[in-house]
C-alpha atoms as a PDB file:
ATOM      1  CA  MET A   1     -13.378  21.736  30.938  1.00  0.00           C
ATOM      2  CA  ASP A   2     -12.805  24.659  28.636  1.00  0.00           C
ATOM      3  CA  PHE A   3     -11.812  24.004  24.867  1.00  0.00           C
ATOM      4  CA  ALA A   4      -9.851  27.557  25.482  1.00  0.00           C
ATOM      5  CA  ASP A   5      -7.069  25.494  27.490  1.00  0.00           C
ATOM      6  CA  PRO A   6      -4.163  23.944  25.749  1.00  0.00           C
ATOM      7  CA  ASP A   7      -4.383  20.642  28.220  1.00  0.00           C
ATOM      8  CA  PHE A   8      -8.076  20.243  28.405  1.00  0.00           C
ATOM      9  CA  LEU A   9      -7.179  16.225  26.663  1.00  0.00           C
ATOM     10  CA  SER A  10      -7.834  13.748  29.654  1.00  0.00           C
ATOM     11  CA  PRO A  11      -3.927  12.088  29.621  1.00  0.00           C
ATOM     12  CA  GLU A  12      -5.370   9.173  27.910  1.00  0.00           C
ATOM     13  CA  GLN A  13      -6.723  11.505  25.289  1.00  0.00           C
ATOM     14  CA  LYS A  14      -3.077  12.898  24.247  1.00  0.00           C
ATOM     15  CA  LEU A  15      -2.138   9.501  24.199  1.00  0.00           C
ATOM     16  CA  ARG A  16      -5.047   8.322  21.430  1.00  0.00           C
ATOM     17  CA  GLU A  17      -4.090  11.798  19.679  1.00  0.00           C
ATOM     18  CA  GLN A  18      -0.313  10.468  19.527  1.00  0.00           C
ATOM     19  CA  GLU A  19      -0.941   7.002  18.133  1.00  0.00           C
ATOM     20  CA  VAL A  20      -4.040   8.410  15.413  1.00  0.00           C
ATOM     21  CA  ILE A  21      -0.945  10.801  14.226  1.00  0.00           C
ATOM     22  CA  ALA A  22       1.070   7.771  14.808  1.00  0.00           C
ATOM     23  CA  ARG A  23      -0.732   5.501  12.415  1.00  0.00           C
ATOM     24  CA  CYS A  24      -1.135   8.362  10.125  1.00  0.00           C
ATOM     25  CA  VAL A  25       1.369   9.126   9.433  1.00  0.00           C
ATOM     26  CA  ASN A  26       2.639   4.627   9.563  1.00  0.00           C
ATOM     27  CA  LEU A  27      -0.206   4.263   6.729  1.00  0.00           C
ATOM     28  CA  MET A  28       1.068   7.252   4.744  1.00  0.00           C
ATOM     29  CA  HIS A  29       4.019   5.423   4.236  1.00  0.00           C
ATOM     30  CA  ASP A  30       3.485   1.696   3.692  1.00  0.00           C
ATOM     31  CA  GLU A  31      -0.672   2.056   1.981  1.00  0.00           C
ATOM     32  CA  ARG A  32       0.572   4.689  -0.876  1.00  0.00           C
ATOM     33  CA  SER A  33       0.093   3.244  -3.786  1.00  0.00           C
ATOM     34  CA  ARG A  34      -2.637   1.683  -2.237  1.00  0.00           C
ATOM     35  CA  TYR A  35      -3.810   4.651  -1.339  1.00  0.00           C
ATOM     36  CA  GLU A  36      -3.486   6.110  -4.912  1.00  0.00           C
ATOM     37  CA  LYS A  37      -5.015   3.866  -6.380  1.00  0.00           C
ATOM     38  CA  GLN A  38      -8.505   4.266  -4.867  1.00  0.00           C
ATOM     39  CA  ALA A  39      -7.759   8.367  -5.003  1.00  0.00           C
ATOM     40  CA  GLN A  40      -7.294   7.581  -9.150  1.00  0.00           C
ATOM     41  CA  THR A  41     -10.870   5.469  -8.463  1.00  0.00           C
ATOM     42  CA  LEU A  42     -12.567   8.182  -6.643  1.00  0.00           C
ATOM     43  CA  LEU A  43     -12.207  10.758  -8.844  1.00  0.00           C
ATOM     44  CA  ALA A  44     -13.192   9.060 -11.992  1.00  0.00           C
ATOM     45  CA  SER A  45     -16.523   7.811 -10.152  1.00  0.00           C
ATOM     46  CA  SER A  46     -16.912  10.395  -7.433  1.00  0.00           C
ATOM     47  CA  SER A  47     -17.845   7.560  -5.276  1.00  0.00           C
ATOM     48  CA  PHE A  48     -16.927   4.088  -3.477  1.00  0.00           C
ATOM     49  CA  ILE A  49     -17.061   2.058  -0.724  1.00  0.00           C
ATOM     50  CA  VAL A  50     -14.191   0.393   1.351  1.00  0.00           C
ATOM     51  CA  GLU A  51     -15.637  -2.352   4.188  1.00  0.00           C
ATOM     52  CA  ASP A  52     -14.852  -5.277   6.448  1.00  0.00           C
ATOM     53  CA  LEU A  53     -16.469  -6.638   9.451  1.00  0.00           C
ATOM     54  CA  THR A  54     -15.760  -3.760  11.689  1.00  0.00           C
ATOM     55  CA  TYR A  55     -15.991  -1.011  10.051  1.00  0.00           C
ATOM     56  CA  CYS A  56     -17.991   0.485   6.018  1.00  0.00           C
ATOM     57  CA  LEU A  57     -15.892   4.106   4.828  1.00  0.00           C
ATOM     58  CA  ALA A  58     -17.617   5.702   2.242  1.00  0.00           C
ATOM     59  CA  TYR A  59     -16.149   7.660   0.435  1.00  0.00           C
ATOM     60  CA  SER A  60     -17.395  10.512  -2.425  1.00  0.00           C
ATOM     61  CA  ILE A  61     -17.689  13.860  -3.785  1.00  0.00           C
ATOM     62  CA  GLN A  62     -19.995  17.031  -3.215  1.00  0.00           C
ATOM     63  CA  GLY A  63     -19.635  19.674  -5.381  1.00  0.00           C
ATOM     64  CA  ASP A  64     -15.782  20.763  -4.613  1.00  0.00           C
ATOM     65  CA  ARG A  65     -15.400  18.545  -0.937  1.00  0.00           C
ATOM     66  CA  PHE A  66     -13.613  15.084  -0.160  1.00  0.00           C
ATOM     67  CA  ILE A  67     -15.765  12.868   2.139  1.00  0.00           C
ATOM     68  CA  CYS A  68     -15.224  10.187   4.195  1.00  0.00           C
ATOM     69  CA  ASP A  69     -18.585   8.380   6.310  1.00  0.00           C
ATOM     70  CA  SER A  70     -17.260   6.079   8.695  1.00  0.00           C
ATOM     71  CA  THR A  71     -19.773   3.989   9.762  1.00  0.00           C
ATOM     72  CA  SER A  72     -20.030   0.868  13.202  1.00  0.00           C
ATOM     73  CA  ASN A  73     -19.944  -2.726  12.206  1.00  0.00           C
ATOM     74  CA  THR A  74     -19.743  -2.817  16.182  1.00  0.00           C
ATOM     75  CA  SER A  75     -20.323  -1.370  19.580  1.00  0.00           C
ATOM     76  CA  VAL A  76     -16.361  -0.934  20.723  1.00  0.00           C
ATOM     77  CA  SER A  77     -15.904   1.856  18.086  1.00  0.00           C
ATOM     78  CA  GLN A  78     -17.743   5.029  16.851  1.00  0.00           C
ATOM     79  CA  SER A  79     -19.092   6.965  13.873  1.00  0.00           C
ATOM     80  CA  PHE A  80     -17.627   9.483  12.170  1.00  0.00           C
ATOM     81  CA  SER A  81     -16.767  12.058   8.482  1.00  0.00           C
ATOM     82  CA  ILE A  82     -14.775  13.640   7.487  1.00  0.00           C
ATOM     83  CA  GLU A  83     -15.137  16.481   4.453  1.00  0.00           C
ATOM     84  CA  VAL A  84     -11.215  18.730   3.239  1.00  0.00           C
ATOM     85  CA  PRO A  85     -11.350  20.578   0.014  1.00  0.00           C
ATOM     86  CA  MET A  86     -11.209  19.886  -2.844  1.00  0.00           C
ATOM     87  CA  PRO A  87      -8.423  21.559  -4.413  1.00  0.00           C
ATOM     88  CA  SER A  88      -8.066  22.398  -7.945  1.00  0.00           C
ATOM     89  CA  THR A  89      -4.786  20.018  -9.108  1.00  0.00           C
ATOM     90  CA  GLN A  90      -4.941  16.565 -10.044  1.00  0.00           C
ATOM     91  CA  GLU A  91      -1.251  15.928  -7.699  1.00  0.00           C
ATOM     92  CA  GLU A  92      -2.767  17.499  -4.353  1.00  0.00           C
ATOM     93  CA  GLN A  93      -6.181  16.250  -5.039  1.00  0.00           C
ATOM     94  CA  ILE A  94      -4.499  12.531  -5.772  1.00  0.00           C
ATOM     95  CA  GLU A  95      -2.162  13.941  -2.282  1.00  0.00           C
ATOM     96  CA  THR A  96      -5.690  14.995  -1.103  1.00  0.00           C
ATOM     97  CA  LEU A  97      -7.389  12.237  -1.185  1.00  0.00           C
ATOM     98  CA  ILE A  98      -4.193   9.996   0.108  1.00  0.00           C
ATOM     99  CA  GLU A  99      -3.525  12.244   3.499  1.00  0.00           C
ATOM    100  CA  LEU A 100      -7.741  12.064   3.949  1.00  0.00           C
ATOM    101  CA  PHE A 101      -7.372   7.800   3.250  1.00  0.00           C
ATOM    102  CA  ALA A 102      -5.079   7.820   6.140  1.00  0.00           C
ATOM    103  CA  GLN A 103      -7.080   9.871   8.168  1.00  0.00           C
ATOM    104  CA  SER A 104     -10.018   7.569   8.453  1.00  0.00           C
ATOM    105  CA  GLU A 105      -8.517   4.115   8.552  1.00  0.00           C
ATOM    106  CA  ALA A 106      -6.157   5.753  11.685  1.00  0.00           C
ATOM    107  CA  GLY A 107      -9.110   6.954  13.203  1.00  0.00           C
ATOM    108  CA  LEU A 108     -10.583   3.231  13.132  1.00  0.00           C
ATOM    109  CA  ILE A 109      -7.801   2.186  16.144  1.00  0.00           C
ATOM    110  CA  LEU A 110      -8.992   1.304  19.104  1.00  0.00           C
END
């Protein structure tokens, strides 16, 4: 399939994409207070980890970037990394981190 083709995703992949986007939006709303606390922790310490039985999300600040490395603790889900530029103001940094946390957790749905 050609990546220039806007329909290069299969119907199953399109459905999965829609599910992840919807989950991300819901998480940004429902988990906002937890994400704000996590953002403050990350900004203060430059790294932290969220882990449960199925995954490990390692967040860090590297230079002018926020990084999330996800490692699967099961054979069902896949590992991935997300890297986003760090904005200049603290308010923008917190909003960016809220989005990063939601994106990384939304990507874990099966």
